[in-house]
PDB file of N, CA and C in Angstrom:
ATOM      1  N   MET A   1     -13.085 -36.213  24.297  1.00  0.00           N
ATOM      2  CA  MET A   1     -13.018 -35.364  23.141  1.00  0.00           C
ATOM      3  C   MET A   1     -11.841 -34.386  23.306  1.00  0.00           C
ATOM      4  N   ALA A   2     -11.058 -34.250  22.260  1.00  0.00           N
ATOM      5  CA  ALA A   2      -9.899 -33.364  22.294  1.00  0.00           C
ATOM      6  C   ALA A   2     -10.341 -31.902  22.248  1.00  0.00           C
ATOM      7  N   LYS A   3      -9.596 -31.055  22.945  1.00  0.00           N
ATOM      8  CA  LYS A   3      -9.836 -29.613  22.912  1.00  0.00           C
ATOM      9  C   LYS A   3      -8.668 -28.958  22.200  1.00  0.00           C
ATOM     10  N   PHE A   4      -8.972 -27.883  21.499  1.00  0.00           N
ATOM     11  CA  PHE A   4      -7.963 -27.179  20.725  1.00  0.00           C
ATOM     12  C   PHE A   4      -7.943 -25.711  21.113  1.00  0.00           C
ATOM     13  N   THR A   5      -6.783 -25.083  20.936  1.00  0.00           N
ATOM     14  CA  THR A   5      -6.637 -23.665  21.241  1.00  0.00           C
ATOM     15  C   THR A   5      -5.935 -22.951  20.090  1.00  0.00           C
ATOM     16  N   ARG A   6      -6.191 -21.660  20.019  1.00  0.00           N
ATOM     17  CA  ARG A   6      -5.459 -20.808  19.079  1.00  0.00           C
ATOM     18  C   ARG A   6      -4.108 -20.483  19.696  1.00  0.00           C
ATOM     19  N   THR A   7      -3.063 -20.594  18.914  1.00  0.00           N
ATOM     20  CA  THR A   7      -1.725 -20.224  19.351  1.00  0.00           C
ATOM     21  C   THR A   7      -1.284 -19.015  18.526  1.00  0.00           C
ATOM     22  N   PRO A   8      -1.145 -17.842  19.167  1.00  0.00           N
ATOM     23  CA  PRO A   8      -0.732 -16.653  18.416  1.00  0.00           C
ATOM     24  C   PRO A   8       0.680 -16.835  17.845  1.00  0.00           C
ATOM     25  N   LEU A   9       0.876 -16.337  16.635  1.00  0.00           N
ATOM     26  CA  LEU A   9       2.172 -16.411  15.972  1.00  0.00           C
ATOM     27  C   LEU A   9       2.574 -15.026  15.466  1.00  0.00           C
ATOM     28  N   SER A  10       3.881 -14.837  15.337  1.00  0.00           N
ATOM     29  CA  SER A  10       4.410 -13.725  14.552  1.00  0.00           C
ATOM     30  C   SER A  10       4.881 -14.345  13.252  1.00  0.00           C
ATOM     31  N   VAL A  11       4.581 -13.698  12.145  1.00  0.00           N
ATOM     32  CA  VAL A  11       4.936 -14.246  10.836  1.00  0.00           C
ATOM     33  C   VAL A  11       5.545 -13.137   9.988  1.00  0.00           C
ATOM     34  N   GLY A  12       6.725 -13.416   9.423  1.00  0.00           N
ATOM     35  CA  GLY A  12       7.333 -12.496   8.470  1.00  0.00           C
ATOM     36  C   GLY A  12       6.729 -12.755   7.104  1.00  0.00           C
ATOM     37  N   VAL A  13       6.290 -11.696   6.432  1.00  0.00           N
ATOM     38  CA  VAL A  13       5.601 -11.866   5.153  1.00  0.00           C
ATOM     39  C   VAL A  13       6.178 -10.947   4.083  1.00  0.00           C
ATOM     40  N   ILE A  14       5.910 -11.325   2.844  1.00  0.00           N
ATOM     41  CA  ILE A  14       6.164 -10.474   1.694  1.00  0.00           C
ATOM     42  C   ILE A  14       4.796 -10.116   1.124  1.00  0.00           C
ATOM     43  N   TYR A  15       4.592  -8.827   0.876  1.00  0.00           N
ATOM     44  CA  TYR A  15       3.369  -8.360   0.227  1.00  0.00           C
ATOM     45  C   TYR A  15       3.697  -8.102  -1.239  1.00  0.00           C
ATOM     46  N   ARG A  16       3.116  -8.901  -2.117  1.00  0.00           N
ATOM     47  CA  ARG A  16       3.385  -8.753  -3.546  1.00  0.00           C
ATOM     48  C   ARG A  16       2.615  -7.571  -4.134  1.00  0.00           C
ATOM     49  N   GLN A  17       3.047  -7.129  -5.297  1.00  0.00           N
ATOM     50  CA  GLN A  17       2.382  -6.005  -5.953  1.00  0.00           C
ATOM     51  C   GLN A  17       0.932  -6.307  -6.293  1.00  0.00           C
ATOM     52  N   ASP A  18       0.613  -7.584  -6.516  1.00  0.00           N
ATOM     53  CA  ASP A  18      -0.766  -7.950  -6.846  1.00  0.00           C
ATOM     54  C   ASP A  18      -1.648  -8.101  -5.607  1.00  0.00           C
ATOM     55  N   GLY A  19      -1.080  -7.815  -4.426  1.00  0.00           N
ATOM     56  CA  GLY A  19      -1.851  -7.858  -3.187  1.00  0.00           C
ATOM     57  C   GLY A  19      -1.786  -9.171  -2.436  1.00  0.00           C
ATOM     58  N   LYS A  20      -1.151 -10.177  -3.004  1.00  0.00           N
ATOM     59  CA  LYS A  20      -1.054 -11.465  -2.318  1.00  0.00           C
ATOM     60  C   LYS A  20      -0.059 -11.393  -1.164  1.00  0.00           C
ATOM     61  N   ILE A  21      -0.360 -12.153  -0.117  1.00  0.00           N
ATOM     62  CA  ILE A  21       0.489 -12.239   1.067  1.00  0.00           C
ATOM     63  C   ILE A  21       1.247 -13.553   1.000  1.00  0.00           C
ATOM     64  N   LEU A  22       2.571 -13.486   1.160  1.00  0.00           N
ATOM     65  CA  LEU A  22       3.400 -14.688   1.141  1.00  0.00           C
ATOM     66  C   LEU A  22       4.146 -14.802   2.463  1.00  0.00           C
ATOM     67  N   PRO A  23       3.731 -15.708   3.357  1.00  0.00           N
ATOM     68  CA  PRO A  23       4.478 -15.895   4.596  1.00  0.00           C
ATOM     69  C   PRO A  23       5.828 -16.537   4.292  1.00  0.00           C
ATOM     70  N   VAL A  24       6.902 -16.035   4.921  1.00  0.00           N
ATOM     71  CA  VAL A  24       8.243 -16.568   4.659  1.00  0.00           C
ATOM     72  C   VAL A  24       8.927 -17.133   5.903  1.00  0.00           C
ATOM     73  N   VAL A  25       8.501 -16.698   7.085  1.00  0.00           N
ATOM     74  CA  VAL A  25       9.098 -17.211   8.324  1.00  0.00           C
ATOM     75  C   VAL A  25       8.071 -17.139   9.452  1.00  0.00           C
ATOM     76  N   ILE A  26       8.030 -18.192  10.272  1.00  0.00           N
ATOM     77  CA  ILE A  26       7.174 -18.231  11.462  1.00  0.00           C
ATOM     78  C   ILE A  26       8.073 -17.960  12.663  1.00  0.00           C
ATOM     79  N   ILE A  27       7.653 -17.035  13.509  1.00  0.00           N
ATOM     80  CA  ILE A  27       8.406 -16.709  14.720  1.00  0.00           C
ATOM     81  C   ILE A  27       7.541 -17.102  15.903  1.00  0.00           C
ATOM     82  N   TYR A  28       8.057 -18.049  16.685  1.00  0.00           N
ATOM     83  CA  TYR A  28       7.311 -18.566  17.840  1.00  0.00           C
ATOM     84  C   TYR A  28       8.243 -18.504  19.042  1.00  0.00           C
ATOM     85  N   GLY A  29       7.940 -17.592  19.957  1.00  0.00           N
ATOM     86  CA  GLY A  29       8.838 -17.386  21.091  1.00  0.00           C
ATOM     87  C   GLY A  29      10.149 -16.801  20.580  1.00  0.00           C
ATOM     88  N   GLU A  30      11.248 -17.440  20.937  1.00  0.00           N
ATOM     89  CA  GLU A  30      12.580 -16.991  20.521  1.00  0.00           C
ATOM     90  C   GLU A  30      13.051 -17.682  19.249  1.00  0.00           C
ATOM     91  N   LYS A  31      12.253 -18.600  18.710  1.00  0.00           N
ATOM     92  CA  LYS A  31      12.687 -19.404  17.568  1.00  0.00           C
ATOM     93  C   LYS A  31      12.073 -18.900  16.268  1.00  0.00           C
ATOM     94  N   LYS A  32      12.865 -19.027  15.189  1.00  0.00           N
ATOM     95  CA  LYS A  32      12.396 -18.690  13.847  1.00  0.00           C
ATOM     96  C   LYS A  32      12.404 -19.955  13.010  1.00  0.00           C
ATOM     97  N   PHE A  33      11.310 -20.152  12.270  1.00  0.00           N
ATOM     98  CA  PHE A  33      11.154 -21.331  11.422  1.00  0.00           C
ATOM     99  C   PHE A  33      10.908 -20.876   9.989  1.00  0.00           C
ATOM    100  N   PRO A  34      11.930 -20.964   9.126  1.00  0.00           N
ATOM    101  CA  PRO A  34      11.732 -20.564   7.732  1.00  0.00           C
ATOM    102  C   PRO A  34      10.697 -21.451   7.043  1.00  0.00           C
ATOM    103  N   ILE A  35       9.866 -20.839   6.242  1.00  0.00           N
ATOM    104  CA  ILE A  35       8.880 -21.576   5.452  1.00  0.00           C
ATOM    105  C   ILE A  35       9.547 -21.962   4.138  1.00  0.00           C
ATOM    106  N   ASP A  36       9.656 -23.268   3.911  1.00  0.00           N
ATOM    107  CA  ASP A  36      10.318 -23.766   2.712  1.00  0.00           C
ATOM    108  C   ASP A  36       9.457 -23.588   1.469  1.00  0.00           C
ATOM    109  N   LYS A  37       8.142 -23.767   1.640  1.00  0.00           N
ATOM    110  CA  LYS A  37       7.252 -23.704   0.481  1.00  0.00           C
ATOM    111  C   LYS A  37       5.817 -23.477   0.950  1.00  0.00           C
ATOM    112  N   ILE A  38       5.071 -22.706   0.186  1.00  0.00           N
ATOM    113  CA  ILE A  38       3.631 -22.557   0.417  1.00  0.00           C
ATOM    114  C   ILE A  38       2.953 -23.586  -0.480  1.00  0.00           C
ATOM    115  N   LEU A  39       2.263 -24.535   0.132  1.00  0.00           N
ATOM    116  CA  LEU A  39       1.614 -25.607  -0.623  1.00  0.00           C
ATOM    117  C   LEU A  39       0.212 -25.218  -1.092  1.00  0.00           C
ATOM    118  N   ASP A  40      -0.477 -24.380  -0.292  1.00  0.00           N
ATOM    119  CA  ASP A  40      -1.848 -24.009  -0.637  1.00  0.00           C
ATOM    120  C   ASP A  40      -2.258 -22.817   0.210  1.00  0.00           C
ATOM    121  N   SER A  41      -3.200 -22.035  -0.286  1.00  0.00           N
ATOM    122  CA  SER A  41      -3.823 -20.977   0.514  1.00  0.00           C
ATOM    123  C   SER A  41      -5.258 -20.821   0.042  1.00  0.00           C
ATOM    124  N   LYS A  42      -6.156 -20.679   1.023  1.00  0.00           N
ATOM    125  CA  LYS A  42      -7.580 -20.509   0.704  1.00  0.00           C
ATOM    126  C   LYS A  42      -8.295 -19.938   1.913  1.00  0.00           C
ATOM    127  N   LYS A  43      -9.432 -19.302   1.662  1.00  0.00           N
ATOM    128  CA  LYS A  43     -10.273 -18.816   2.759  1.00  0.00           C
ATOM    129  C   LYS A  43     -10.906 -20.030   3.410  1.00  0.00           C
ATOM    130  N   ARG A  44     -10.510 -20.286   4.645  1.00  0.00           N
ATOM    131  CA  ARG A  44     -11.058 -21.455   5.337  1.00  0.00           C
ATOM    132  C   ARG A  44     -10.824 -21.300   6.836  1.00  0.00           C
ATOM    133  N   ALA A  45     -11.875 -21.454   7.591  1.00  0.00           N
ATOM    134  CA  ALA A  45     -11.780 -21.359   9.050  1.00  0.00           C
ATOM    135  C   ALA A  45     -11.544 -22.736   9.646  1.00  0.00           C
ATOM    136  N   PRO A  46     -10.687 -22.824  10.670  1.00  0.00           N
ATOM    137  CA  PRO A  46     -10.542 -24.097  11.352  1.00  0.00           C
ATOM    138  C   PRO A  46     -11.833 -24.435  12.087  1.00  0.00           C
ATOM    139  N   ARG A  47     -12.192 -25.687  12.114  1.00  0.00           N
ATOM    140  CA  ARG A  47     -13.454 -26.104  12.747  1.00  0.00           C
ATOM    141  C   ARG A  47     -13.357 -26.183  14.272  1.00  0.00           C
ATOM    142  N   THR A  48     -12.137 -26.181  14.787  1.00  0.00           N
ATOM    143  CA  THR A  48     -11.947 -26.462  16.208  1.00  0.00           C
ATOM    144  C   THR A  48     -11.812 -25.233  17.096  1.00  0.00           C
ATOM    145  N   VAL A  49     -11.597 -24.049  16.511  1.00  0.00           N
ATOM    146  CA  VAL A  49     -11.472 -22.812  17.296  1.00  0.00           C
ATOM    147  C   VAL A  49     -12.182 -21.679  16.581  1.00  0.00           C
ATOM    148  N   GLY A  50     -12.545 -20.656  17.323  1.00  0.00           N
ATOM    149  CA  GLY A  50     -13.202 -19.504  16.729  1.00  0.00           C
ATOM    150  C   GLY A  50     -12.226 -18.643  15.940  1.00  0.00           C
ATOM    151  N   SER A  51     -12.731 -18.030  14.878  1.00  0.00           N
ATOM    152  CA  SER A  51     -11.903 -17.140  14.071  1.00  0.00           C
ATOM    153  C   SER A  51     -12.808 -16.267  13.213  1.00  0.00           C
ATOM    154  N   ILE A  52     -12.211 -15.229  12.603  1.00  0.00           N
ATOM    155  CA  ILE A  52     -12.965 -14.308  11.762  1.00  0.00           C
ATOM    156  C   ILE A  52     -12.487 -14.460  10.322  1.00  0.00           C
ATOM    157  N   SER A  53     -13.129 -15.336   9.572  1.00  0.00           N
ATOM    158  CA  SER A  53     -12.887 -15.538   8.149  1.00  0.00           C
ATOM    159  C   SER A  53     -11.410 -15.500   7.746  1.00  0.00           C
ATOM    160  N   PRO A  54     -10.594 -16.420   8.278  1.00  0.00           N
ATOM    161  CA  PRO A  54      -9.154 -16.365   7.995  1.00  0.00           C
ATOM    162  C   PRO A  54      -8.782 -16.993   6.649  1.00  0.00           C
ATOM    163  N   ILE A  55      -7.564 -16.690   6.234  1.00  0.00           N
ATOM    164  CA  ILE A  55      -6.939 -17.387   5.120  1.00  0.00           C
ATOM    165  C   ILE A  55      -6.098 -18.498   5.738  1.00  0.00           C
ATOM    166  N   GLU A  56      -6.309 -19.722   5.279  1.00  0.00           N
ATOM    167  CA  GLU A  56      -5.506 -20.850   5.749  1.00  0.00           C
ATOM    168  C   GLU A  56      -4.345 -21.047   4.771  1.00  0.00           C
ATOM    169  N   PHE A  57      -3.136 -21.032   5.302  1.00  0.00           N
ATOM    170  CA  PHE A  57      -1.955 -21.327   4.514  1.00  0.00           C
ATOM    171  C   PHE A  57      -1.446 -22.702   4.924  1.00  0.00           C
ATOM    172  N   THR A  58      -1.300 -23.593   3.961  1.00  0.00           N
ATOM    173  CA  THR A  58      -0.657 -24.874   4.208  1.00  0.00           C
ATOM    174  C   THR A  58       0.776 -24.702   3.737  1.00  0.00           C
ATOM    175  N   VAL A  59       1.711 -24.863   4.683  1.00  0.00           N
ATOM    176  CA  VAL A  59       3.119 -24.578   4.387  1.00  0.00           C
ATOM    177  C   VAL A  59       3.998 -25.763   4.753  1.00  0.00           C
ATOM    178  N   LEU A  60       5.177 -25.784   4.157  1.00  0.00           N
ATOM    179  CA  LEU A  60       6.174 -26.800   4.455  1.00  0.00           C
ATOM    180  C   LEU A  60       7.272 -26.141   5.278  1.00  0.00           C
ATOM    181  N   VAL A  61       7.495 -26.666   6.494  1.00  0.00           N
ATOM    182  CA  VAL A  61       8.510 -26.148   7.407  1.00  0.00           C
ATOM    183  C   VAL A  61       9.363 -27.325   7.857  1.00  0.00           C
ATOM    184  N   ALA A  62      10.641 -27.305   7.510  1.00  0.00           N
ATOM    185  CA  ALA A  62      11.582 -28.372   7.891  1.00  0.00           C
ATOM    186  C   ALA A  62      11.031 -29.752   7.547  1.00  0.00           C
ATOM    187  N   GLY A  63      10.436 -29.869   6.368  1.00  0.00           N
ATOM    188  CA  GLY A  63       9.924 -31.153   5.903  1.00  0.00           C
ATOM    189  C   GLY A  63       8.567 -31.552   6.451  1.00  0.00           C
ATOM    190  N   GLU A  64       7.959 -30.718   7.286  1.00  0.00           N
ATOM    191  CA  GLU A  64       6.648 -31.018   7.869  1.00  0.00           C
ATOM    192  C   GLU A  64       5.593 -30.055   7.340  1.00  0.00           C
ATOM    193  N   THR A  65       4.413 -30.591   7.049  1.00  0.00           N
ATOM    194  CA  THR A  65       3.293 -29.774   6.599  1.00  0.00           C
ATOM    195  C   THR A  65       2.587 -29.175   7.815  1.00  0.00           C
ATOM    196  N   LYS A  66       2.370 -27.854   7.767  1.00  0.00           N
ATOM    197  CA  LYS A  66       1.709 -27.135   8.861  1.00  0.00           C
ATOM    198  C   LYS A  66       0.621 -26.243   8.281  1.00  0.00           C
ATOM    199  N   GLN A  67      -0.398 -25.959   9.105  1.00  0.00           N
ATOM    200  CA  GLN A  67      -1.418 -24.986   8.734  1.00  0.00           C
ATOM    201  C   GLN A  67      -1.254 -23.772   9.647  1.00  0.00           C
ATOM    202  N   ILE A  68      -1.208 -22.603   9.025  1.00  0.00           N
ATOM    203  CA  ILE A  68      -1.227 -21.352   9.768  1.00  0.00           C
ATOM    204  C   ILE A  68      -2.345 -20.505   9.182  1.00  0.00           C
ATOM    205  N   TYR A  69      -2.870 -19.588   9.985  1.00  0.00           N
ATOM    206  CA  TYR A  69      -4.046 -18.819   9.597  1.00  0.00           C
ATOM    207  C   TYR A  69      -3.781 -17.326   9.773  1.00  0.00           C
ATOM    208  N   PHE A  70      -4.345 -16.540   8.849  1.00  0.00           N
ATOM    209  CA  PHE A  70      -4.251 -15.086   8.921  1.00  0.00           C
ATOM    210  C   PHE A  70      -5.651 -14.496   8.840  1.00  0.00           C
ATOM    211  N   GLU A  71      -6.022 -13.735   9.884  1.00  0.00           N
ATOM    212  CA  GLU A  71      -7.304 -13.027   9.890  1.00  0.00           C
ATOM    213  C   GLU A  71      -7.070 -11.625   9.334  1.00  0.00           C
ATOM    214  N   GLU A  72      -7.571 -11.388   8.142  1.00  0.00           N
ATOM    215  CA  GLU A  72      -7.387 -10.074   7.523  1.00  0.00           C
ATOM    216  C   GLU A  72      -8.054  -8.966   8.330  1.00  0.00           C
ATOM    217  N   ASP A  73      -9.207  -9.251   8.924  1.00  0.00           N
ATOM    218  CA  ASP A  73      -9.940  -8.232   9.684  1.00  0.00           C
ATOM    219  C   ASP A  73      -9.190  -7.762  10.928  1.00  0.00           C
ATOM    220  N   THR A  74      -8.458  -8.670  11.566  1.00  0.00           N
ATOM    221  CA  THR A  74      -7.749  -8.328  12.802  1.00  0.00           C
ATOM    222  C   THR A  74      -6.247  -8.178  12.594  1.00  0.00           C
ATOM    223  N   GLY A  75      -5.715  -8.678  11.459  1.00  0.00           N
ATOM    224  CA  GLY A  75      -4.272  -8.635  11.209  1.00  0.00           C
ATOM    225  C   GLY A  75      -3.497  -9.639  12.043  1.00  0.00           C
ATOM    226  N   LYS A  76      -4.188 -10.647  12.584  1.00  0.00           N
ATOM    227  CA  LYS A  76      -3.536 -11.616  13.474  1.00  0.00           C
ATOM    228  C   LYS A  76      -3.263 -12.941  12.771  1.00  0.00           C
ATOM    229  N   TRP A  77      -2.108 -13.525  13.110  1.00  0.00           N
ATOM    230  CA  TRP A  77      -1.713 -14.857  12.657  1.00  0.00           C
ATOM    231  C   TRP A  77      -1.860 -15.823  13.816  1.00  0.00           C
ATOM    232  N   PHE A  78      -2.241 -17.068  13.505  1.00  0.00           N
ATOM    233  CA  PHE A  78      -2.329 -18.078  14.564  1.00  0.00           C
ATOM    234  C   PHE A  78      -2.221 -19.468  13.964  1.00  0.00           C
ATOM    235  N   ALA A  79      -1.936 -20.413  14.845  1.00  0.00           N
ATOM    236  CA  ALA A  79      -1.986 -21.840  14.517  1.00  0.00           C
ATOM    237  C   ALA A  79      -2.973 -22.474  15.476  1.00  0.00           C
ATOM    238  N   VAL A  80      -3.367 -23.677  15.197  1.00  0.00           N
ATOM    239  CA  VAL A  80      -4.280 -24.412  16.082  1.00  0.00           C
ATOM    240  C   VAL A  80      -3.514 -25.579  16.679  1.00  0.00           C
ATOM    241  N   LYS A  81      -3.549 -25.674  18.006  1.00  0.00           N
ATOM    242  CA  LYS A  81      -2.867 -26.756  18.704  1.00  0.00           C
ATOM    243  C   LYS A  81      -3.843 -27.478  19.623  1.00  0.00           C
ATOM    244  N   GLU A  82      -3.580 -28.749  19.822  1.00  0.00           N
ATOM    245  CA  GLU A  82      -4.380 -29.506  20.779  1.00  0.00           C
ATOM    246  C   GLU A  82      -3.997 -29.051  22.181  1.00  0.00           C
ATOM    247  N   ALA A  83      -5.011 -28.747  22.990  1.00  0.00           N
ATOM    248  CA  ALA A  83      -4.769 -28.308  24.375  1.00  0.00           C
ATOM    249  C   ALA A  83      -4.315 -29.485  25.207  1.00  0.00           C
ATOM    250  N   ARG A  84      -3.420 -29.228  26.113  1.00  0.00           N
ATOM    251  CA  ARG A  84      -2.906 -30.299  26.991  1.00  0.00           C
ATOM    252  C   ARG A  84      -3.442 -30.179  28.373  1.00  0.00           C
TER     253      ARG A  84
END
């Protein structure tokens, strides 16, 4: 059975006047990955790791679909990766 871990991320965001959060860039280590498009966002917890009621953003980065999560209660961003 595969194991998964939370990977902490830094994310550059725009806060709109209506209160919506729009992630625009993912910062992982020394690298920056611009978000080309937000495909979807909804309140949804990943099934494979613990979290506190996050918002799941499905985004397009360099032609690849990725899921990133934002926990409003903690202010933390993360992704889910398979543990090696």
